[in-house]
Amino acid sequence: MTAIYMTDFLGTPIWMWAIFFALVLLLLAFDLGVLNKKDHEIGVSESLKLSAFYVVVAILFGGWVWYERGAQAGAEYFTGYVIEKVLAMDNIFVIAMIFSFLAIPRVYQHRVLFWGILGVIVLRGIMIALGAALVNNFSWVLYIFAAFLILTGVKMLVFADNEAPDLNQNPLLKFLRRHFNIEDRLHGNSFFIKKADEKTGKMVNYMTPLFVALILVEVADVVFAVDSIPAIFAITTDTFIIYTSNVFAILGLRALYFALSAMVERFKFLKYAISLLLIFIGSKIFLADLFGLEKFPPALSLGVTFGILGTGVFYSLWMTRSGQGESDKK
């Protein structure tokens, strides 16, 4: 039994994976069974406290990784954690738009985000496993990932000022409305209800707007993962580091959602920093080759990441103070 427990799985001992999954399950059980046993509206203060708790847990886990796996693995974990957390901020803006469009009250939004987390844990695991298989068998795929990140960063930089998309024209929403029974109004915190079909009179299942929101949120996460997963592979190919940093960043960011959604306008210029970050991450592989390095130094990567993001956050808060950003545009 001991030998099996010490066996490597994807380059990391099974016991380390077991500790990670046990911790995540414990956090989810604590969230649903204690903090949010009953539906309630989560305010900014509660959101910030819960987010701070998740950040502390993520930092402690990163410290443990640093102790068990060494300084390089620790630095890669924290770099991946920070990058994923920031790249997922765009996802927060989209989630806020989905909830607003479907008129989901704040009291039920946590239910969607919680069950969305379970989907994220599974979907990210599948996508990371596929990415790892590609990289392990075809190392040149990393250069494709890097080029994709650079192009994505440039595209975001050029089109950062574009208006938000009209969800009425969203292909997935059109597909759902065309092929499934969807109820127009909410029924408490239910994802499905039984209702008589208008044509046959038989009782059939209808999706509520709450479940439609859950589907859109899950798909939005998959779309954003197309950016974030190549970004973390450009930092490290260690599957354990990639997956754990992804999951902890998403757990904490969902907790922070209720605070961020209340002041989303304060971070409207952060997109430019995210664009530059993607360009930097994509460039690292080419820079390492240019200077004959086996890998771009993790500590330097972490420092540049903090520098870009810190500048972006400061600039956003400065430009949006008392509506300054709006007055500058007029």
C-alpha atoms as a PDB file:
ATOM      1  CA  MET A   1       0.000   0.000   0.000  1.00  0.00           C
ATOM      2  CA  THR A   2       2.830   2.372   0.890  1.00  0.00           C
ATOM      3  CA  ALA A   3       4.532   1.707  -2.462  1.00  0.00           C
ATOM      4  CA  ILE A   4       1.320   2.540  -4.356  1.00  0.00           C
ATOM      5  CA  TYR A   5       0.845   5.711  -2.344  1.00  0.00           C
ATOM      6  CA  MET A   6       4.376   6.844  -3.225  1.00  0.00           C
ATOM      7  CA  THR A   7       3.978   6.027  -6.923  1.00  0.00           C
ATOM      8  CA  ASP A   8       4.263   8.956  -9.294  1.00  0.00           C
ATOM      9  CA  PHE A   9       1.174  10.090 -11.208  1.00  0.00           C
ATOM     10  CA  LEU A  10       1.915  12.621 -13.950  1.00  0.00           C
ATOM     11  CA  GLY A  11       5.303  13.296 -12.392  1.00  0.00           C
ATOM     12  CA  THR A  12       4.050  13.837  -8.815  1.00  0.00           C
ATOM     13  CA  PRO A  13       3.593  11.281  -5.989  1.00  0.00           C
ATOM     14  CA  ILE A  14      -0.006  10.138  -5.548  1.00  0.00           C
ATOM     15  CA  TRP A  15       0.018  11.253  -1.899  1.00  0.00           C
ATOM     16  CA  MET A  16       0.510  14.877  -2.969  1.00  0.00           C
ATOM     17  CA  TRP A  17      -2.421  14.632  -5.392  1.00  0.00           C
ATOM     18  CA  ALA A  18      -4.502  13.069  -2.593  1.00  0.00           C
ATOM     19  CA  ILE A  19      -3.734  15.957  -0.233  1.00  0.00           C
ATOM     20  CA  PHE A  20      -4.664  18.497  -2.905  1.00  0.00           C
ATOM     21  CA  PHE A  21      -8.018  16.890  -3.765  1.00  0.00           C
ATOM     22  CA  ALA A  22      -8.849  16.343  -0.090  1.00  0.00           C
ATOM     23  CA  LEU A  23      -8.185  20.036   0.576  1.00  0.00           C
ATOM     24  CA  VAL A  24     -10.353  21.148  -2.368  1.00  0.00           C
ATOM     25  CA  LEU A  25     -13.231  18.872  -1.295  1.00  0.00           C
ATOM     26  CA  LEU A  26     -12.923  20.181   2.272  1.00  0.00           C
ATOM     27  CA  LEU A  27     -13.066  23.787   1.021  1.00  0.00           C
ATOM     28  CA  LEU A  28     -16.127  23.090  -1.147  1.00  0.00           C
ATOM     29  CA  ALA A  29     -17.907  21.273   1.694  1.00  0.00           C
ATOM     30  CA  PHE A  30     -17.121  24.154   4.066  1.00  0.00           C
ATOM     31  CA  ASP A  31     -18.354  26.692   1.499  1.00  0.00           C
ATOM     32  CA  LEU A  32     -21.649  24.934   0.748  1.00  0.00           C
ATOM     33  CA  GLY A  33     -22.342  23.239   4.088  1.00  0.00           C
ATOM     34  CA  VAL A  34     -21.314  26.014   6.486  1.00  0.00           C
ATOM     35  CA  LEU A  35     -20.854  29.425   4.866  1.00  0.00           C
ATOM     36  CA  ASN A  36     -23.670  29.177   2.339  1.00  0.00           C
ATOM     37  CA  LYS A  37     -26.009  26.553   3.741  1.00  0.00           C
ATOM     38  CA  LYS A  38     -28.920  28.850   2.911  1.00  0.00           C
ATOM     39  CA  ASP A  39     -29.289  31.158  -0.082  1.00  0.00           C
ATOM     40  CA  HIS A  40     -28.366  34.700   0.848  1.00  0.00           C
ATOM     41  CA  GLU A  41     -27.043  37.800  -0.846  1.00  0.00           C
ATOM     42  CA  ILE A  42     -23.271  37.966  -0.486  1.00  0.00           C
ATOM     43  CA  GLY A  43     -22.102  41.513   0.142  1.00  0.00           C
ATOM     44  CA  VAL A  44     -18.771  43.114  -0.715  1.00  0.00           C
ATOM     45  CA  SER A  45     -17.415  42.688   2.831  1.00  0.00           C
ATOM     46  CA  GLU A  46     -18.225  38.966   2.982  1.00  0.00           C
ATOM     47  CA  SER A  47     -16.834  38.489  -0.514  1.00  0.00           C
ATOM     48  CA  LEU A  48     -13.528  40.150   0.406  1.00  0.00           C
ATOM     49  CA  LYS A  49     -13.206  38.100   3.608  1.00  0.00           C
ATOM     50  CA  LEU A  50     -13.934  34.832   1.802  1.00  0.00           C
ATOM     51  CA  SER A  51     -11.497  35.750  -0.979  1.00  0.00           C
ATOM     52  CA  ALA A  52      -8.790  36.602   1.571  1.00  0.00           C
ATOM     53  CA  PHE A  53      -9.344  33.191   3.163  1.00  0.00           C
ATOM     54  CA  TYR A  54      -8.878  31.441  -0.200  1.00  0.00           C
ATOM     55  CA  VAL A  55      -5.765  33.512  -0.938  1.00  0.00           C
ATOM     56  CA  VAL A  56      -4.231  32.492   2.406  1.00  0.00           C
ATOM     57  CA  VAL A  57      -5.025  28.817   1.698  1.00  0.00           C
ATOM     58  CA  ALA A  58      -3.476  29.119  -1.788  1.00  0.00           C
ATOM     59  CA  ILE A  59      -0.335  30.773  -0.366  1.00  0.00           C
ATOM     60  CA  LEU A  60       0.026  28.108   2.329  1.00  0.00           C
ATOM     61  CA  PHE A  61      -0.378  25.393  -0.294  1.00  0.00           C
ATOM     62  CA  GLY A  62       2.245  27.129  -2.455  1.00  0.00           C
ATOM     63  CA  GLY A  63       4.585  27.262   0.540  1.00  0.00           C
ATOM     64  CA  TRP A  64       4.092  23.528   1.022  1.00  0.00           C
ATOM     65  CA  VAL A  65       4.855  22.917  -2.676  1.00  0.00           C
ATOM     66  CA  TRP A  66       7.990  25.069  -2.320  1.00  0.00           C
ATOM     67  CA  TYR A  67       9.085  23.002   0.704  1.00  0.00           C
ATOM     68  CA  GLU A  68       8.330  19.611  -0.872  1.00  0.00           C
ATOM     69  CA  ARG A  69       9.367  20.278  -4.492  1.00  0.00           C
ATOM     70  CA  GLY A  70      11.937  23.050  -4.255  1.00  0.00           C
ATOM     71  CA  ALA A  71      12.240  26.758  -5.068  1.00  0.00           C
ATOM     72  CA  GLN A  72      11.693  26.420  -8.821  1.00  0.00           C
ATOM     73  CA  ALA A  73       8.425  24.503  -8.419  1.00  0.00           C
ATOM     74  CA  GLY A  74       7.299  26.992  -5.767  1.00  0.00           C
ATOM     75  CA  ALA A  75       8.052  30.011  -7.958  1.00  0.00           C
ATOM     76  CA  GLU A  76       6.281  28.366 -10.917  1.00  0.00           C
ATOM     77  CA  TYR A  77       3.222  27.655  -8.765  1.00  0.00           C
ATOM     78  CA  PHE A  78       2.941  31.264  -7.573  1.00  0.00           C
ATOM     79  CA  THR A  79       3.531  32.635 -11.082  1.00  0.00           C
ATOM     80  CA  GLY A  80       0.862  30.342 -12.496  1.00  0.00           C
ATOM     81  CA  TYR A  81      -1.515  31.222  -9.657  1.00  0.00           C
ATOM     82  CA  VAL A  82      -1.154  34.981 -10.195  1.00  0.00           C
ATOM     83  CA  ILE A  83      -1.426  34.739 -13.990  1.00  0.00           C
ATOM     84  CA  GLU A  84      -4.509  32.511 -13.865  1.00  0.00           C
ATOM     85  CA  LYS A  85      -6.160  34.763 -11.281  1.00  0.00           C
ATOM     86  CA  VAL A  86      -5.658  37.844 -13.432  1.00  0.00           C
ATOM     87  CA  LEU A  87      -6.531  36.233 -16.765  1.00  0.00           C
ATOM     88  CA  ALA A  88      -9.740  34.948 -15.153  1.00  0.00           C
ATOM     89  CA  MET A  89     -10.743  38.513 -14.276  1.00  0.00           C
ATOM     90  CA  ASP A  90     -12.036  38.917 -17.824  1.00  0.00           C
ATOM     91  CA  ASN A  91     -14.193  35.895 -17.053  1.00  0.00           C
ATOM     92  CA  ILE A  92     -15.598  37.760 -14.027  1.00  0.00           C
ATOM     93  CA  PHE A  93     -16.719  40.610 -16.289  1.00  0.00           C
ATOM     94  CA  VAL A  94     -18.448  38.121 -18.613  1.00  0.00           C
ATOM     95  CA  ILE A  95     -20.143  36.327 -15.688  1.00  0.00           C
ATOM     96  CA  ALA A  96     -21.458  39.673 -14.413  1.00  0.00           C
ATOM     97  CA  MET A  97     -22.829  40.370 -17.891  1.00  0.00           C
ATOM     98  CA  ILE A  98     -24.518  36.917 -18.022  1.00  0.00           C
ATOM     99  CA  PHE A  99     -26.168  37.406 -14.624  1.00  0.00           C
ATOM    100  CA  SER A 100     -27.338  40.879 -15.608  1.00  0.00           C
ATOM    101  CA  PHE A 101     -28.726  39.717 -18.970  1.00  0.00           C
ATOM    102  CA  LEU A 102     -30.651  36.805 -17.417  1.00  0.00           C
ATOM    103  CA  ALA A 103     -31.746  38.921 -14.429  1.00  0.00           C
ATOM    104  CA  ILE A 104     -30.270  36.521 -11.863  1.00  0.00           C
ATOM    105  CA  PRO A 105     -30.602  38.094  -8.371  1.00  0.00           C
ATOM    106  CA  ARG A 106     -27.442  38.247  -6.246  1.00  0.00           C
ATOM    107  CA  VAL A 107     -29.102  35.946  -3.708  1.00  0.00           C
ATOM    108  CA  TYR A 108     -28.924  33.045  -6.241  1.00  0.00           C
ATOM    109  CA  GLN A 109     -25.652  33.898  -7.986  1.00  0.00           C
ATOM    110  CA  HIS A 110     -23.502  31.969  -5.504  1.00  0.00           C
ATOM    111  CA  ARG A 111     -25.444  28.779  -6.313  1.00  0.00           C
ATOM    112  CA  VAL A 112     -24.501  29.103  -9.989  1.00  0.00           C
ATOM    113  CA  LEU A 113     -20.864  29.902  -9.177  1.00  0.00           C
ATOM    114  CA  PHE A 114     -20.547  27.026  -6.701  1.00  0.00           C
ATOM    115  CA  TRP A 115     -21.825  24.345  -9.055  1.00  0.00           C
ATOM    116  CA  GLY A 116     -19.844  25.980 -11.824  1.00  0.00           C
ATOM    117  CA  ILE A 117     -16.685  25.325  -9.795  1.00  0.00           C
ATOM    118  CA  LEU A 118     -17.298  21.564  -9.943  1.00  0.00           C
ATOM    119  CA  GLY A 119     -17.534  21.750 -13.712  1.00  0.00           C
ATOM    120  CA  VAL A 120     -14.374  23.852 -13.881  1.00  0.00           C
ATOM    121  CA  ILE A 121     -12.386  21.336 -11.809  1.00  0.00           C
ATOM    122  CA  VAL A 122     -13.340  18.529 -14.220  1.00  0.00           C
ATOM    123  CA  LEU A 123     -13.076  20.496 -17.489  1.00  0.00           C
ATOM    124  CA  ARG A 124      -9.763  22.148 -16.596  1.00  0.00           C
ATOM    125  CA  GLY A 125      -8.397  18.737 -15.615  1.00  0.00           C
ATOM    126  CA  ILE A 126      -9.330  17.298 -19.012  1.00  0.00           C
ATOM    127  CA  MET A 127      -7.909  20.268 -20.935  1.00  0.00           C
ATOM    128  CA  ILE A 128      -4.659  20.300 -18.929  1.00  0.00           C
ATOM    129  CA  ALA A 129      -4.239  16.533 -19.363  1.00  0.00           C
ATOM    130  CA  LEU A 130      -4.678  16.895 -23.143  1.00  0.00           C
ATOM    131  CA  GLY A 131      -2.238  19.804 -23.197  1.00  0.00           C
ATOM    132  CA  ALA A 132       0.321  17.844 -21.175  1.00  0.00           C
ATOM    133  CA  ALA A 133       0.005  14.851 -23.515  1.00  0.00           C
ATOM    134  CA  LEU A 134       0.604  17.097 -26.526  1.00  0.00           C
ATOM    135  CA  VAL A 135       3.622  18.831 -24.964  1.00  0.00           C
ATOM    136  CA  ASN A 136       5.191  15.564 -23.773  1.00  0.00           C
ATOM    137  CA  ASN A 137       4.886  13.960 -27.204  1.00  0.00           C
ATOM    138  CA  PHE A 138       5.459  17.025 -29.369  1.00  0.00           C
ATOM    139  CA  SER A 139       7.654  19.583 -27.597  1.00  0.00           C
ATOM    140  CA  TRP A 140       7.308  22.005 -30.529  1.00  0.00           C
ATOM    141  CA  VAL A 141       3.668  22.527 -29.471  1.00  0.00           C
ATOM    142  CA  LEU A 142       5.001  24.919 -26.816  1.00  0.00           C
ATOM    143  CA  TYR A 143       6.101  27.278 -29.594  1.00  0.00           C
ATOM    144  CA  ILE A 144       2.589  27.182 -31.058  1.00  0.00           C
ATOM    145  CA  PHE A 145       1.185  27.979 -27.601  1.00  0.00           C
ATOM    146  CA  ALA A 146       3.659  30.848 -27.267  1.00  0.00           C
ATOM    147  CA  ALA A 147       2.836  32.306 -30.700  1.00  0.00           C
ATOM    148  CA  PHE A 148      -0.883  31.980 -29.923  1.00  0.00           C
ATOM    149  CA  LEU A 149      -0.443  33.917 -26.673  1.00  0.00           C
ATOM    150  CA  ILE A 150       1.460  36.703 -28.412  1.00  0.00           C
ATOM    151  CA  LEU A 151      -1.197  37.011 -31.128  1.00  0.00           C
ATOM    152  CA  THR A 152      -3.982  36.924 -28.502  1.00  0.00           C
ATOM    153  CA  GLY A 153      -2.237  39.648 -26.483  1.00  0.00           C
ATOM    154  CA  VAL A 154      -1.815  41.855 -29.561  1.00  0.00           C
ATOM    155  CA  LYS A 155      -5.461  41.293 -30.534  1.00  0.00           C
ATOM    156  CA  MET A 156      -6.653  42.198 -27.016  1.00  0.00           C
ATOM    157  CA  LEU A 157      -4.467  45.301 -27.058  1.00  0.00           C
ATOM    158  CA  VAL A 158      -5.913  46.466 -30.385  1.00  0.00           C
ATOM    159  CA  PHE A 159      -9.548  45.682 -29.578  1.00  0.00           C
ATOM    160  CA  ALA A 160      -9.536  46.443 -25.827  1.00  0.00           C
ATOM    161  CA  ASP A 161     -12.016  49.312 -26.294  1.00  0.00           C
ATOM    162  CA  ASN A 162     -14.618  47.216 -28.142  1.00  0.00           C
ATOM    163  CA  GLU A 163     -18.124  47.220 -26.701  1.00  0.00           C
ATOM    164  CA  ALA A 164     -19.443  44.194 -24.809  1.00  0.00           C
ATOM    165  CA  PRO A 165     -21.119  41.560 -27.022  1.00  0.00           C
ATOM    166  CA  ASP A 166     -24.902  41.312 -27.275  1.00  0.00           C
ATOM    167  CA  LEU A 167     -25.902  38.063 -25.557  1.00  0.00           C
ATOM    168  CA  ASN A 168     -29.110  37.916 -27.590  1.00  0.00           C
ATOM    169  CA  GLN A 169     -26.886  37.070 -30.551  1.00  0.00           C
ATOM    170  CA  ASN A 170     -24.901  34.434 -28.667  1.00  0.00           C
ATOM    171  CA  PRO A 171     -24.913  31.173 -30.744  1.00  0.00           C
ATOM    172  CA  LEU A 172     -25.062  28.937 -27.659  1.00  0.00           C
ATOM    173  CA  LEU A 173     -28.033  30.809 -26.195  1.00  0.00           C
ATOM    174  CA  LYS A 174     -29.818  30.624 -29.566  1.00  0.00           C
ATOM    175  CA  PHE A 175     -29.128  26.862 -29.682  1.00  0.00           C
ATOM    176  CA  LEU A 176     -30.509  26.319 -26.173  1.00  0.00           C
ATOM    177  CA  ARG A 177     -33.648  28.296 -26.920  1.00  0.00           C
ATOM    178  CA  ARG A 178     -34.201  26.414 -30.148  1.00  0.00           C
ATOM    179  CA  HIS A 179     -33.639  22.853 -28.859  1.00  0.00           C
ATOM    180  CA  PHE A 180     -34.657  22.881 -25.180  1.00  0.00           C
ATOM    181  CA  ASN A 181     -37.603  23.893 -23.054  1.00  0.00           C
ATOM    182  CA  ILE A 182     -36.639  27.057 -21.195  1.00  0.00           C
ATOM    183  CA  GLU A 183     -38.772  28.783 -18.582  1.00  0.00           C
ATOM    184  CA  ASP A 184     -38.846  32.569 -18.798  1.00  0.00           C
ATOM    185  CA  ARG A 185     -38.812  33.263 -15.067  1.00  0.00           C
ATOM    186  CA  LEU A 186     -36.968  32.043 -12.006  1.00  0.00           C
ATOM    187  CA  HIS A 187     -38.408  29.500  -9.588  1.00  0.00           C
ATOM    188  CA  GLY A 188     -36.369  30.116  -6.472  1.00  0.00           C
ATOM    189  CA  ASN A 189     -33.002  28.361  -6.617  1.00  0.00           C
ATOM    190  CA  SER A 190     -34.230  25.522  -8.859  1.00  0.00           C
ATOM    191  CA  PHE A 191     -32.292  24.630 -11.991  1.00  0.00           C
ATOM    192  CA  PHE A 192     -35.244  22.665 -13.447  1.00  0.00           C
ATOM    193  CA  ILE A 193     -39.024  22.640 -13.044  1.00  0.00           C
ATOM    194  CA  LYS A 194     -41.780  20.396 -14.353  1.00  0.00           C
ATOM    195  CA  LYS A 195     -44.362  22.168 -16.458  1.00  0.00           C
ATOM    196  CA  ALA A 196     -47.082  21.208 -18.926  1.00  0.00           C
ATOM    197  CA  ASP A 197     -45.904  21.333 -22.542  1.00  0.00           C
ATOM    198  CA  GLU A 198     -47.817  23.951 -24.545  1.00  0.00           C
ATOM    199  CA  LYS A 199     -48.459  21.540 -27.453  1.00  0.00           C
ATOM    200  CA  THR A 200     -48.987  18.118 -25.833  1.00  0.00           C
ATOM    201  CA  GLY A 201     -50.087  19.092 -22.335  1.00  0.00           C
ATOM    202  CA  LYS A 202     -47.695  16.516 -20.864  1.00  0.00           C
ATOM    203  CA  MET A 203     -45.506  17.404 -17.894  1.00  0.00           C
ATOM    204  CA  VAL A 204     -41.943  17.946 -19.092  1.00  0.00           C
ATOM    205  CA  ASN A 205     -38.746  19.359 -17.654  1.00  0.00           C
ATOM    206  CA  TYR A 206     -37.958  23.022 -18.264  1.00  0.00           C
ATOM    207  CA  MET A 207     -34.614  24.744 -17.684  1.00  0.00           C
ATOM    208  CA  THR A 208     -34.857  27.819 -15.509  1.00  0.00           C
ATOM    209  CA  PRO A 209     -32.760  30.935 -16.263  1.00  0.00           C
ATOM    210  CA  LEU A 210     -30.533  29.801 -13.368  1.00  0.00           C
ATOM    211  CA  PHE A 211     -29.463  26.657 -15.253  1.00  0.00           C
ATOM    212  CA  VAL A 212     -29.043  28.602 -18.499  1.00  0.00           C
ATOM    213  CA  ALA A 213     -26.697  30.925 -16.581  1.00  0.00           C
ATOM    214  CA  LEU A 214     -24.747  27.902 -15.311  1.00  0.00           C
ATOM    215  CA  ILE A 215     -24.285  26.580 -18.869  1.00  0.00           C
ATOM    216  CA  LEU A 216     -23.137  29.971 -20.172  1.00  0.00           C
ATOM    217  CA  VAL A 217     -20.729  30.417 -17.248  1.00  0.00           C
ATOM    218  CA  GLU A 218     -19.208  26.956 -17.825  1.00  0.00           C
ATOM    219  CA  VAL A 219     -18.759  27.559 -21.556  1.00  0.00           C
ATOM    220  CA  ALA A 220     -17.264  30.999 -20.866  1.00  0.00           C
ATOM    221  CA  ASP A 221     -14.697  29.332 -18.601  1.00  0.00           C
ATOM    222  CA  VAL A 222     -13.760  26.848 -21.335  1.00  0.00           C
ATOM    223  CA  VAL A 223     -13.298  29.716 -23.788  1.00  0.00           C
ATOM    224  CA  PHE A 224     -11.077  31.639 -21.363  1.00  0.00           C
ATOM    225  CA  ALA A 225      -9.127  28.461 -20.579  1.00  0.00           C
ATOM    226  CA  VAL A 226      -7.962  28.496 -24.203  1.00  0.00           C
ATOM    227  CA  ASP A 227      -5.862  31.540 -23.220  1.00  0.00           C
ATOM    228  CA  SER A 228      -4.930  30.672 -19.647  1.00  0.00           C
ATOM    229  CA  ILE A 229      -3.847  27.043 -20.130  1.00  0.00           C
ATOM    230  CA  PRO A 230      -1.294  27.809 -22.891  1.00  0.00           C
ATOM    231  CA  ALA A 231      -0.099  30.660 -20.653  1.00  0.00           C
ATOM    232  CA  ILE A 232       0.695  28.346 -17.754  1.00  0.00           C
ATOM    233  CA  PHE A 233       2.302  25.778 -20.092  1.00  0.00           C
ATOM    234  CA  ALA A 234       4.634  28.568 -21.208  1.00  0.00           C
ATOM    235  CA  ILE A 235       5.748  28.821 -17.567  1.00  0.00           C
ATOM    236  CA  THR A 236       5.978  25.141 -16.643  1.00  0.00           C
ATOM    237  CA  THR A 237       5.092  21.721 -18.037  1.00  0.00           C
ATOM    238  CA  ASP A 238       4.619  20.249 -14.543  1.00  0.00           C
ATOM    239  CA  THR A 239       1.006  18.995 -14.583  1.00  0.00           C
ATOM    240  CA  PHE A 240       0.667  19.173 -10.794  1.00  0.00           C
ATOM    241  CA  ILE A 241       1.780  22.817 -10.692  1.00  0.00           C
ATOM    242  CA  ILE A 242      -0.452  23.736 -13.639  1.00  0.00           C
ATOM    243  CA  TYR A 243      -3.596  22.092 -12.279  1.00  0.00           C
ATOM    244  CA  THR A 244      -3.281  23.117  -8.631  1.00  0.00           C
ATOM    245  CA  SER A 245      -2.469  26.766  -9.412  1.00  0.00           C
ATOM    246  CA  ASN A 246      -5.433  26.867 -11.825  1.00  0.00           C
ATOM    247  CA  VAL A 247      -7.918  25.422  -9.351  1.00  0.00           C
ATOM    248  CA  PHE A 248      -6.845  27.572  -6.384  1.00  0.00           C
ATOM    249  CA  ALA A 249      -6.902  30.733  -8.506  1.00  0.00           C
ATOM    250  CA  ILE A 250     -10.426  29.999  -9.758  1.00  0.00           C
ATOM    251  CA  LEU A 251     -11.699  29.078  -6.279  1.00  0.00           C
ATOM    252  CA  GLY A 252     -10.469  32.385  -4.908  1.00  0.00           C
ATOM    253  CA  LEU A 253     -11.658  34.457  -7.831  1.00  0.00           C
ATOM    254  CA  ARG A 254     -15.201  33.074  -7.669  1.00  0.00           C
ATOM    255  CA  ALA A 255     -15.213  34.059  -3.987  1.00  0.00           C
ATOM    256  CA  LEU A 256     -14.053  37.538  -4.990  1.00  0.00           C
ATOM    257  CA  TYR A 257     -16.713  37.832  -7.718  1.00  0.00           C
ATOM    258  CA  PHE A 258     -19.281  39.647  -5.569  1.00  0.00           C
ATOM    259  CA  ALA A 259     -16.805  42.368  -4.651  1.00  0.00           C
ATOM    260  CA  LEU A 260     -15.373  42.731  -8.170  1.00  0.00           C
ATOM    261  CA  SER A 261     -18.791  42.808  -9.850  1.00  0.00           C
ATOM    262  CA  ALA A 262     -19.749  45.747  -7.637  1.00  0.00           C
ATOM    263  CA  MET A 263     -16.765  47.794  -8.832  1.00  0.00           C
ATOM    264  CA  VAL A 264     -16.113  46.334 -12.282  1.00  0.00           C
ATOM    265  CA  GLU A 265     -15.839  49.807 -13.813  1.00  0.00           C
ATOM    266  CA  ARG A 266     -12.780  50.545 -11.643  1.00  0.00           C
ATOM    267  CA  PHE A 267     -10.740  47.943 -13.556  1.00  0.00           C
ATOM    268  CA  LYS A 268     -11.685  48.858 -17.126  1.00  0.00           C
ATOM    269  CA  PHE A 269      -8.015  49.595 -18.048  1.00  0.00           C
ATOM    270  CA  LEU A 270      -6.721  46.297 -16.671  1.00  0.00           C
ATOM    271  CA  LYS A 271      -7.306  44.727 -20.097  1.00  0.00           C
ATOM    272  CA  TYR A 272      -4.214  46.523 -21.391  1.00  0.00           C
ATOM    273  CA  ALA A 273      -2.060  45.005 -18.633  1.00  0.00           C
ATOM    274  CA  ILE A 274      -3.513  41.552 -19.340  1.00  0.00           C
ATOM    275  CA  SER A 275      -2.687  42.012 -23.042  1.00  0.00           C
ATOM    276  CA  LEU A 276       0.930  42.915 -22.253  1.00  0.00           C
ATOM    277  CA  LEU A 277       1.141  39.984 -19.824  1.00  0.00           C
ATOM    278  CA  LEU A 278       0.047  37.525 -22.524  1.00  0.00           C
ATOM    279  CA  ILE A 279       2.639  38.966 -24.916  1.00  0.00           C
ATOM    280  CA  PHE A 280       5.351  38.664 -22.244  1.00  0.00           C
ATOM    281  CA  ILE A 281       4.427  35.064 -21.368  1.00  0.00           C
ATOM    282  CA  GLY A 282       4.380  34.055 -25.021  1.00  0.00           C
ATOM    283  CA  SER A 283       7.727  35.763 -25.639  1.00  0.00           C
ATOM    284  CA  LYS A 284       9.504  33.974 -22.774  1.00  0.00           C
ATOM    285  CA  ILE A 285      10.085  30.749 -24.723  1.00  0.00           C
ATOM    286  CA  PHE A 286      11.607  32.629 -27.652  1.00  0.00           C
ATOM    287  CA  LEU A 287      13.704  34.819 -25.315  1.00  0.00           C
ATOM    288  CA  ALA A 288      15.056  31.748 -23.517  1.00  0.00           C
ATOM    289  CA  ASP A 289      16.138  30.255 -26.865  1.00  0.00           C
ATOM    290  CA  LEU A 290      17.623  33.575 -27.979  1.00  0.00           C
ATOM    291  CA  PHE A 291      19.867  33.791 -24.898  1.00  0.00           C
ATOM    292  CA  GLY A 292      20.636  30.062 -24.802  1.00  0.00           C
ATOM    293  CA  LEU A 293      18.715  29.407 -21.592  1.00  0.00           C
ATOM    294  CA  GLU A 294      17.042  26.105 -20.789  1.00  0.00           C
ATOM    295  CA  LYS A 295      14.145  28.003 -19.235  1.00  0.00           C
ATOM    296  CA  PHE A 296      13.311  31.636 -18.524  1.00  0.00           C
ATOM    297  CA  PRO A 297      14.217  32.240 -14.826  1.00  0.00           C
ATOM    298  CA  PRO A 298      11.053  31.591 -12.711  1.00  0.00           C
ATOM    299  CA  ALA A 299      11.898  34.322 -10.166  1.00  0.00           C
ATOM    300  CA  LEU A 300      12.349  36.919 -12.929  1.00  0.00           C
ATOM    301  CA  SER A 301       9.120  35.757 -14.563  1.00  0.00           C
ATOM    302  CA  LEU A 302       7.242  36.174 -11.270  1.00  0.00           C
ATOM    303  CA  GLY A 303       8.733  39.651 -10.771  1.00  0.00           C
ATOM    304  CA  VAL A 304       7.816  40.854 -14.272  1.00  0.00           C
ATOM    305  CA  THR A 305       4.294  39.425 -13.856  1.00  0.00           C
ATOM    306  CA  PHE A 306       3.759  41.340 -10.607  1.00  0.00           C
ATOM    307  CA  GLY A 307       5.222  44.482 -12.190  1.00  0.00           C
ATOM    308  CA  ILE A 308       2.878  44.422 -15.195  1.00  0.00           C
ATOM    309  CA  LEU A 309      -0.204  43.622 -13.140  1.00  0.00           C
ATOM    310  CA  GLY A 310       0.614  46.075 -10.364  1.00  0.00           C
ATOM    311  CA  THR A 311       1.020  48.847 -12.917  1.00  0.00           C
ATOM    312  CA  GLY A 312      -2.268  47.878 -14.584  1.00  0.00           C
ATOM    313  CA  VAL A 313      -4.219  47.852 -11.322  1.00  0.00           C
ATOM    314  CA  PHE A 314      -2.721  51.166 -10.153  1.00  0.00           C
ATOM    315  CA  TYR A 315      -3.377  52.843 -13.510  1.00  0.00           C
ATOM    316  CA  SER A 316      -6.987  51.556 -13.583  1.00  0.00           C
ATOM    317  CA  LEU A 317      -7.741  52.792 -10.076  1.00  0.00           C
ATOM    318  CA  TRP A 318      -6.055  56.134 -10.772  1.00  0.00           C
ATOM    319  CA  MET A 319      -7.833  56.749 -14.085  1.00  0.00           C
ATOM    320  CA  THR A 320     -11.271  55.808 -12.737  1.00  0.00           C
ATOM    321  CA  ARG A 321     -11.103  57.859  -9.547  1.00  0.00           C
ATOM    322  CA  SER A 322     -14.239  60.018  -9.302  1.00  0.00           C
ATOM    323  CA  GLY A 323     -15.129  59.215 -12.926  1.00  0.00           C
ATOM    324  CA  GLN A 324     -11.777  60.497 -14.220  1.00  0.00           C
ATOM    325  CA  GLY A 325     -11.642  57.843 -16.948  1.00  0.00           C
ATOM    326  CA  GLU A 326     -14.997  58.919 -18.313  1.00  0.00           C
ATOM    327  CA  SER A 327     -14.156  62.615 -18.288  1.00  0.00           C
ATOM    328  CA  ASP A 328     -10.943  61.953 -20.192  1.00  0.00           C
ATOM    329  CA  LYS A 329     -12.895  60.315 -22.992  1.00  0.00           C
ATOM    330  CA  LYS A 330     -15.284  63.236 -23.449  1.00  0.00           C
END
